[in-house]
Every structure is written in C-alpha cells, then in structure tokens.
Amino acid sequence: MQWLFLAGAIVFEVGGTISLRMAASGRRAYYAAVAVGYLFAFTFLTLALDEGLGLGVAYGIWAASGVALTAVASRVLFHEPLTPVMMGGIALIVSGVLLVEIGAAR
C-alpha cells in the first residue's frame, strides 16, 4: 500500500506542477488545481511514510520521479525541449533512485 500512496503523491505533484505552468501562462483558475495537487501530493506522501516507507527512499523517489515526469509531460503538453542531454539527466535520475532503493534494502 505504501507504494500505491507514493505513486499517488507523484501523480498529484506532477499534476500540480503542470497546473502551475498553465496558471503562469495566464489561466489564473489553474491556481486552484495547483493548491489541490500539492495538498494531495503531501497527503499521499505522508500516508506512504505512515505505512513504513523510509523518508530518504520516499522523498528521493517522489522528487526524482516528479522531475523526470514533469520534463516529459512538458514536452508532450507544451512542446518544450527535451534534448538528449536532458534525457541523459533523466536516465541519471532513474539510476540514482534505483541506487537509493537498493541501498535502503540492505
């Protein structure tokens, strides 16, 4: 269940961040979606921690996944650049999260 809560936290955080981009482009009504997204993101992150997921692992995966997914979503939704260097950075993020998870399992 802790992983499901963490996945929810990631989805809501990315949704809140995407909404922030929409609000910053002049659609002020999206600020409500930003607030709701981040409120639910922190709520689900708290639930994941309550279920026993370690803080370092949970926060690392949450933050890194948010960065990677937001970059990809920005490319798809807003046609922002996603260069080979950026994709390499996402690969490093994924590698780092894996190493944190493997290290926590020992």
N, C-alpha and C. Protein backbone atom coordinates (compact mmCIF):
# COMPACT_ATOMS: atom_id res chain seq x y z
N MET A 1 0.83 -1.20 0.00
CA MET A 1 0.00 0.00 0.00
C MET A 1 0.87 1.26 0.00
N GLN A 2 2.04 1.15 0.64
CA GLN A 2 2.92 2.33 0.70
C GLN A 2 3.35 2.80 -0.68
N TRP A 3 3.56 1.84 -1.60
CA TRP A 3 3.97 2.21 -2.96
C TRP A 3 2.82 2.83 -3.73
N LEU A 4 1.61 2.40 -3.46
CA LEU A 4 0.44 3.00 -4.10
C LEU A 4 0.27 4.44 -3.64
N PHE A 5 0.47 4.66 -2.34
CA PHE A 5 0.40 6.03 -1.82
C PHE A 5 1.50 6.90 -2.44
N LEU A 6 2.69 6.35 -2.57
CA LEU A 6 3.78 7.11 -3.17
C LEU A 6 3.48 7.43 -4.63
N ALA A 7 2.92 6.48 -5.36
CA ALA A 7 2.53 6.73 -6.76
C ALA A 7 1.49 7.85 -6.82
N GLY A 8 0.54 7.84 -5.90
CA GLY A 8 -0.45 8.91 -5.85
C GLY A 8 0.19 10.26 -5.59
N ALA A 9 1.16 10.28 -4.68
CA ALA A 9 1.87 11.53 -4.37
C ALA A 9 2.59 12.06 -5.61
N ILE A 10 3.19 11.17 -6.37
CA ILE A 10 3.91 11.57 -7.57
C ILE A 10 2.94 12.12 -8.62
N VAL A 11 1.85 11.43 -8.83
CA VAL A 11 0.86 11.87 -9.83
C VAL A 11 0.30 13.24 -9.47
N PHE A 12 -0.05 13.44 -8.21
CA PHE A 12 -0.62 14.73 -7.82
C PHE A 12 0.42 15.85 -7.86
N GLU A 13 1.67 15.54 -7.53
CA GLU A 13 2.72 16.55 -7.60
C GLU A 13 2.96 16.99 -9.03
N VAL A 14 3.02 16.04 -9.95
CA VAL A 14 3.20 16.38 -11.36
C VAL A 14 1.99 17.15 -11.88
N GLY A 15 0.81 16.73 -11.50
CA GLY A 15 -0.40 17.45 -11.89
C GLY A 15 -0.41 18.88 -11.37
N GLY A 16 0.01 19.07 -10.14
CA GLY A 16 0.09 20.41 -9.57
C GLY A 16 1.11 21.28 -10.30
N THR A 17 2.22 20.68 -10.65
CA THR A 17 3.27 21.42 -11.35
C THR A 17 2.83 21.79 -12.77
N ILE A 18 2.19 20.86 -13.45
CA ILE A 18 1.67 21.16 -14.79
C ILE A 18 0.61 22.26 -14.70
N SER A 19 -0.22 22.21 -13.66
CA SER A 19 -1.23 23.26 -13.46
C SER A 19 -0.58 24.61 -13.20
N LEU A 20 0.56 24.59 -12.51
CA LEU A 20 1.29 25.83 -12.27
C LEU A 20 1.74 26.47 -13.58
N ARG A 21 2.18 25.64 -14.49
CA ARG A 21 2.59 26.14 -15.82
C ARG A 21 1.39 26.77 -16.54
N MET A 22 0.24 26.12 -16.42
CA MET A 22 -0.98 26.64 -17.05
C MET A 22 -1.38 27.97 -16.40
N ALA A 23 -1.31 28.04 -15.08
CA ALA A 23 -1.68 29.27 -14.38
C ALA A 23 -0.72 30.41 -14.72
N ALA A 24 0.56 30.09 -14.85
CA ALA A 24 1.56 31.11 -15.15
C ALA A 24 1.40 31.65 -16.57
N SER A 25 0.73 30.89 -17.43
CA SER A 25 0.53 31.36 -18.81
C SER A 25 -0.76 32.16 -18.96
N GLY A 26 -1.33 32.58 -17.85
CA GLY A 26 -2.49 33.47 -17.91
C GLY A 26 -3.81 32.85 -17.52
N ARG A 27 -3.84 31.58 -17.29
CA ARG A 27 -5.09 30.91 -16.91
C ARG A 27 -5.15 30.81 -15.39
N ARG A 28 -5.51 31.88 -14.75
CA ARG A 28 -5.45 32.01 -13.29
C ARG A 28 -6.26 30.97 -12.54
N ALA A 29 -7.31 30.44 -13.15
CA ALA A 29 -8.15 29.44 -12.48
C ALA A 29 -7.36 28.19 -12.13
N TYR A 30 -6.26 27.96 -12.82
CA TYR A 30 -5.45 26.77 -12.55
C TYR A 30 -4.71 26.84 -11.22
N TYR A 31 -4.65 28.01 -10.59
CA TYR A 31 -4.00 28.09 -9.28
C TYR A 31 -4.72 27.21 -8.26
N ALA A 32 -6.03 27.05 -8.41
CA ALA A 32 -6.77 26.15 -7.52
C ALA A 32 -6.29 24.71 -7.72
N ALA A 33 -6.05 24.31 -8.96
CA ALA A 33 -5.55 22.96 -9.23
C ALA A 33 -4.14 22.78 -8.68
N VAL A 34 -3.35 23.84 -8.69
CA VAL A 34 -2.00 23.78 -8.10
C VAL A 34 -2.12 23.47 -6.61
N ALA A 35 -2.97 24.22 -5.92
CA ALA A 35 -3.14 24.03 -4.47
C ALA A 35 -3.66 22.63 -4.16
N VAL A 36 -4.65 22.18 -4.90
CA VAL A 36 -5.20 20.84 -4.68
C VAL A 36 -4.16 19.77 -4.98
N GLY A 37 -3.42 19.93 -6.08
CA GLY A 37 -2.40 18.96 -6.45
C GLY A 37 -1.35 18.80 -5.37
N TYR A 38 -0.84 19.92 -4.88
CA TYR A 38 0.21 19.84 -3.85
C TYR A 38 -0.34 19.37 -2.51
N LEU A 39 -1.58 19.76 -2.19
CA LEU A 39 -2.19 19.28 -0.95
C LEU A 39 -2.31 17.75 -0.97
N PHE A 40 -2.81 17.21 -2.07
CA PHE A 40 -2.93 15.77 -2.18
C PHE A 40 -1.57 15.08 -2.28
N ALA A 41 -0.62 15.73 -2.94
CA ALA A 41 0.71 15.14 -3.05
C ALA A 41 1.33 14.95 -1.67
N PHE A 42 1.26 15.98 -0.84
CA PHE A 42 1.83 15.86 0.51
C PHE A 42 1.01 14.92 1.39
N THR A 43 -0.29 14.88 1.18
CA THR A 43 -1.13 13.95 1.93
C THR A 43 -0.75 12.50 1.59
N PHE A 44 -0.63 12.19 0.32
CA PHE A 44 -0.26 10.83 -0.09
C PHE A 44 1.17 10.49 0.32
N LEU A 45 2.07 11.47 0.28
CA LEU A 45 3.44 11.22 0.74
C LEU A 45 3.44 10.90 2.24
N THR A 46 2.65 11.62 3.00
CA THR A 46 2.52 11.35 4.43
C THR A 46 1.96 9.95 4.68
N LEU A 47 0.97 9.56 3.90
CA LEU A 47 0.39 8.22 4.04
C LEU A 47 1.43 7.14 3.72
N ALA A 48 2.25 7.38 2.71
CA ALA A 48 3.31 6.42 2.36
C ALA A 48 4.29 6.28 3.52
N LEU A 49 4.63 7.40 4.14
CA LEU A 49 5.54 7.35 5.29
C LEU A 49 4.88 6.65 6.48
N ASP A 50 3.59 6.91 6.69
CA ASP A 50 2.86 6.24 7.77
C ASP A 50 2.81 4.73 7.58
N GLU A 51 2.85 4.28 6.34
CA GLU A 51 2.84 2.84 6.04
C GLU A 51 4.22 2.20 6.20
N GLY A 52 5.22 3.00 6.54
CA GLY A 52 6.53 2.45 6.83
C GLY A 52 7.60 2.68 5.77
N LEU A 53 7.29 3.39 4.73
CA LEU A 53 8.29 3.68 3.72
C LEU A 53 9.30 4.67 4.31
N GLY A 54 10.58 4.41 4.12
CA GLY A 54 11.60 5.28 4.67
C GLY A 54 11.59 6.66 4.03
N LEU A 55 11.89 7.67 4.83
CA LEU A 55 11.84 9.04 4.34
C LEU A 55 12.81 9.28 3.19
N GLY A 56 14.03 8.79 3.31
CA GLY A 56 15.02 9.00 2.24
C GLY A 56 14.59 8.37 0.93
N VAL A 57 14.07 7.17 1.02
CA VAL A 57 13.60 6.46 -0.18
C VAL A 57 12.37 7.16 -0.75
N ALA A 58 11.38 7.44 0.11
CA ALA A 58 10.14 8.06 -0.36
C ALA A 58 10.39 9.42 -0.98
N TYR A 59 11.14 10.26 -0.31
CA TYR A 59 11.38 11.60 -0.83
C TYR A 59 12.23 11.55 -2.10
N GLY A 60 13.22 10.68 -2.11
CA GLY A 60 14.07 10.56 -3.29
C GLY A 60 13.29 10.14 -4.52
N ILE A 61 12.48 9.13 -4.36
CA ILE A 61 11.67 8.65 -5.49
C ILE A 61 10.64 9.69 -5.89
N TRP A 62 9.99 10.30 -4.92
CA TRP A 62 8.96 11.30 -5.17
C TRP A 62 9.54 12.49 -5.94
N ALA A 63 10.64 13.03 -5.45
CA ALA A 63 11.23 14.21 -6.07
C ALA A 63 11.81 13.88 -7.45
N ALA A 64 12.55 12.80 -7.54
CA ALA A 64 13.19 12.44 -8.81
C ALA A 64 12.16 12.09 -9.87
N SER A 65 11.16 11.33 -9.49
CA SER A 65 10.11 10.96 -10.44
C SER A 65 9.36 12.19 -10.90
N GLY A 66 9.12 13.11 -9.98
CA GLY A 66 8.44 14.35 -10.34
C GLY A 66 9.21 15.15 -11.37
N VAL A 67 10.52 15.25 -11.19
CA VAL A 67 11.35 15.98 -12.14
C VAL A 67 11.29 15.31 -13.52
N ALA A 68 11.49 14.01 -13.55
CA ALA A 68 11.52 13.28 -14.82
C ALA A 68 10.17 13.32 -15.52
N LEU A 69 9.10 13.04 -14.81
CA LEU A 69 7.78 13.03 -15.43
C LEU A 69 7.33 14.42 -15.86
N THR A 70 7.70 15.43 -15.09
CA THR A 70 7.35 16.80 -15.47
C THR A 70 8.07 17.21 -16.75
N ALA A 71 9.32 16.82 -16.89
CA ALA A 71 10.06 17.13 -18.12
C ALA A 71 9.42 16.48 -19.33
N VAL A 72 9.02 15.23 -19.19
CA VAL A 72 8.38 14.51 -20.30
C VAL A 72 7.00 15.12 -20.59
N ALA A 73 6.24 15.39 -19.55
CA ALA A 73 4.90 15.97 -19.73
C ALA A 73 5.00 17.36 -20.36
N SER A 74 6.01 18.13 -19.98
CA SER A 74 6.19 19.46 -20.57
C SER A 74 6.48 19.37 -22.06
N ARG A 75 7.20 18.34 -22.44
CA ARG A 75 7.48 18.12 -23.86
C ARG A 75 6.18 17.82 -24.62
N VAL A 76 5.39 16.93 -24.06
CA VAL A 76 4.16 16.49 -24.71
C VAL A 76 3.10 17.59 -24.71
N LEU A 77 2.90 18.25 -23.58
CA LEU A 77 1.80 19.20 -23.45
C LEU A 77 2.13 20.60 -23.95
N PHE A 78 3.39 21.03 -23.73
CA PHE A 78 3.75 22.41 -24.02
C PHE A 78 4.81 22.54 -25.10
N HIS A 79 5.21 21.41 -25.67
CA HIS A 79 6.22 21.39 -26.73
C HIS A 79 7.53 22.04 -26.29
N GLU A 80 7.86 21.87 -25.01
CA GLU A 80 9.14 22.37 -24.50
C GLU A 80 10.23 21.40 -24.92
N PRO A 81 11.47 21.86 -24.94
CA PRO A 81 12.55 20.98 -25.41
C PRO A 81 12.81 19.81 -24.46
N LEU A 82 13.17 18.70 -25.05
CA LEU A 82 13.63 17.53 -24.30
C LEU A 82 14.82 16.99 -25.08
N THR A 83 15.96 17.58 -24.81
CA THR A 83 17.18 17.31 -25.57
C THR A 83 17.83 16.00 -25.13
N PRO A 84 18.75 15.49 -25.92
CA PRO A 84 19.48 14.29 -25.50
C PRO A 84 20.19 14.47 -24.15
N VAL A 85 20.70 15.65 -23.90
CA VAL A 85 21.36 15.90 -22.61
C VAL A 85 20.33 15.80 -21.47
N MET A 86 19.15 16.35 -21.70
CA MET A 86 18.09 16.26 -20.69
C MET A 86 17.66 14.82 -20.48
N MET A 87 17.55 14.06 -21.54
CA MET A 87 17.19 12.64 -21.42
C MET A 87 18.28 11.88 -20.67
N GLY A 88 19.54 12.25 -20.90
CA GLY A 88 20.63 11.65 -20.13
C GLY A 88 20.50 11.98 -18.66
N GLY A 89 20.10 13.20 -18.35
CA GLY A 89 19.86 13.58 -16.96
C GLY A 89 18.75 12.78 -16.33
N ILE A 90 17.68 12.53 -17.09
CA ILE A 90 16.58 11.70 -16.59
C ILE A 90 17.08 10.29 -16.33
N ALA A 91 17.92 9.76 -17.22
CA ALA A 91 18.49 8.42 -17.00
C ALA A 91 19.34 8.40 -15.73
N LEU A 92 20.08 9.46 -15.47
CA LEU A 92 20.87 9.53 -14.24
C LEU A 92 19.97 9.60 -13.01
N ILE A 93 18.87 10.34 -13.13
CA ILE A 93 17.90 10.40 -12.02
C ILE A 93 17.37 9.01 -11.71
N VAL A 94 16.96 8.30 -12.76
CA VAL A 94 16.43 6.94 -12.58
C VAL A 94 17.49 6.04 -11.94
N SER A 95 18.72 6.16 -12.40
CA SER A 95 19.81 5.36 -11.83
C SER A 95 20.02 5.70 -10.37
N GLY A 96 20.01 6.98 -10.06
CA GLY A 96 20.19 7.40 -8.67
C GLY A 96 19.09 6.90 -7.75
N VAL A 97 17.85 6.96 -8.22
CA VAL A 97 16.73 6.46 -7.42
C VAL A 97 16.87 4.96 -7.19
N LEU A 98 17.26 4.24 -8.24
CA LEU A 98 17.49 2.79 -8.08
C LEU A 98 18.57 2.50 -7.06
N LEU A 99 19.65 3.25 -7.09
CA LEU A 99 20.73 3.04 -6.14
C LEU A 99 20.29 3.35 -4.70
N VAL A 100 19.48 4.39 -4.54
CA VAL A 100 18.96 4.70 -3.20
C VAL A 100 18.08 3.56 -2.71
N GLU A 101 17.22 3.05 -3.59
CA GLU A 101 16.33 1.95 -3.21
C GLU A 101 17.12 0.69 -2.89
N ILE A 102 18.11 0.36 -3.71
CA ILE A 102 18.93 -0.82 -3.44
C ILE A 102 19.69 -0.66 -2.13
N GLY A 103 20.21 0.54 -1.90
CA GLY A 103 20.94 0.79 -0.66
C GLY A 103 20.05 0.70 0.57
N ALA A 104 18.79 1.08 0.44
CA ALA A 104 17.86 1.03 1.57
C ALA A 104 17.44 -0.39 1.88
N ALA A 105 17.49 -1.25 0.87
CA ALA A 105 17.05 -2.65 1.05
C ALA A 105 18.09 -3.49 1.80
N ARG A 106 19.31 -3.01 1.90
CA ARG A 106 20.38 -3.78 2.54
C ARG A 106 20.32 -3.73 4.02
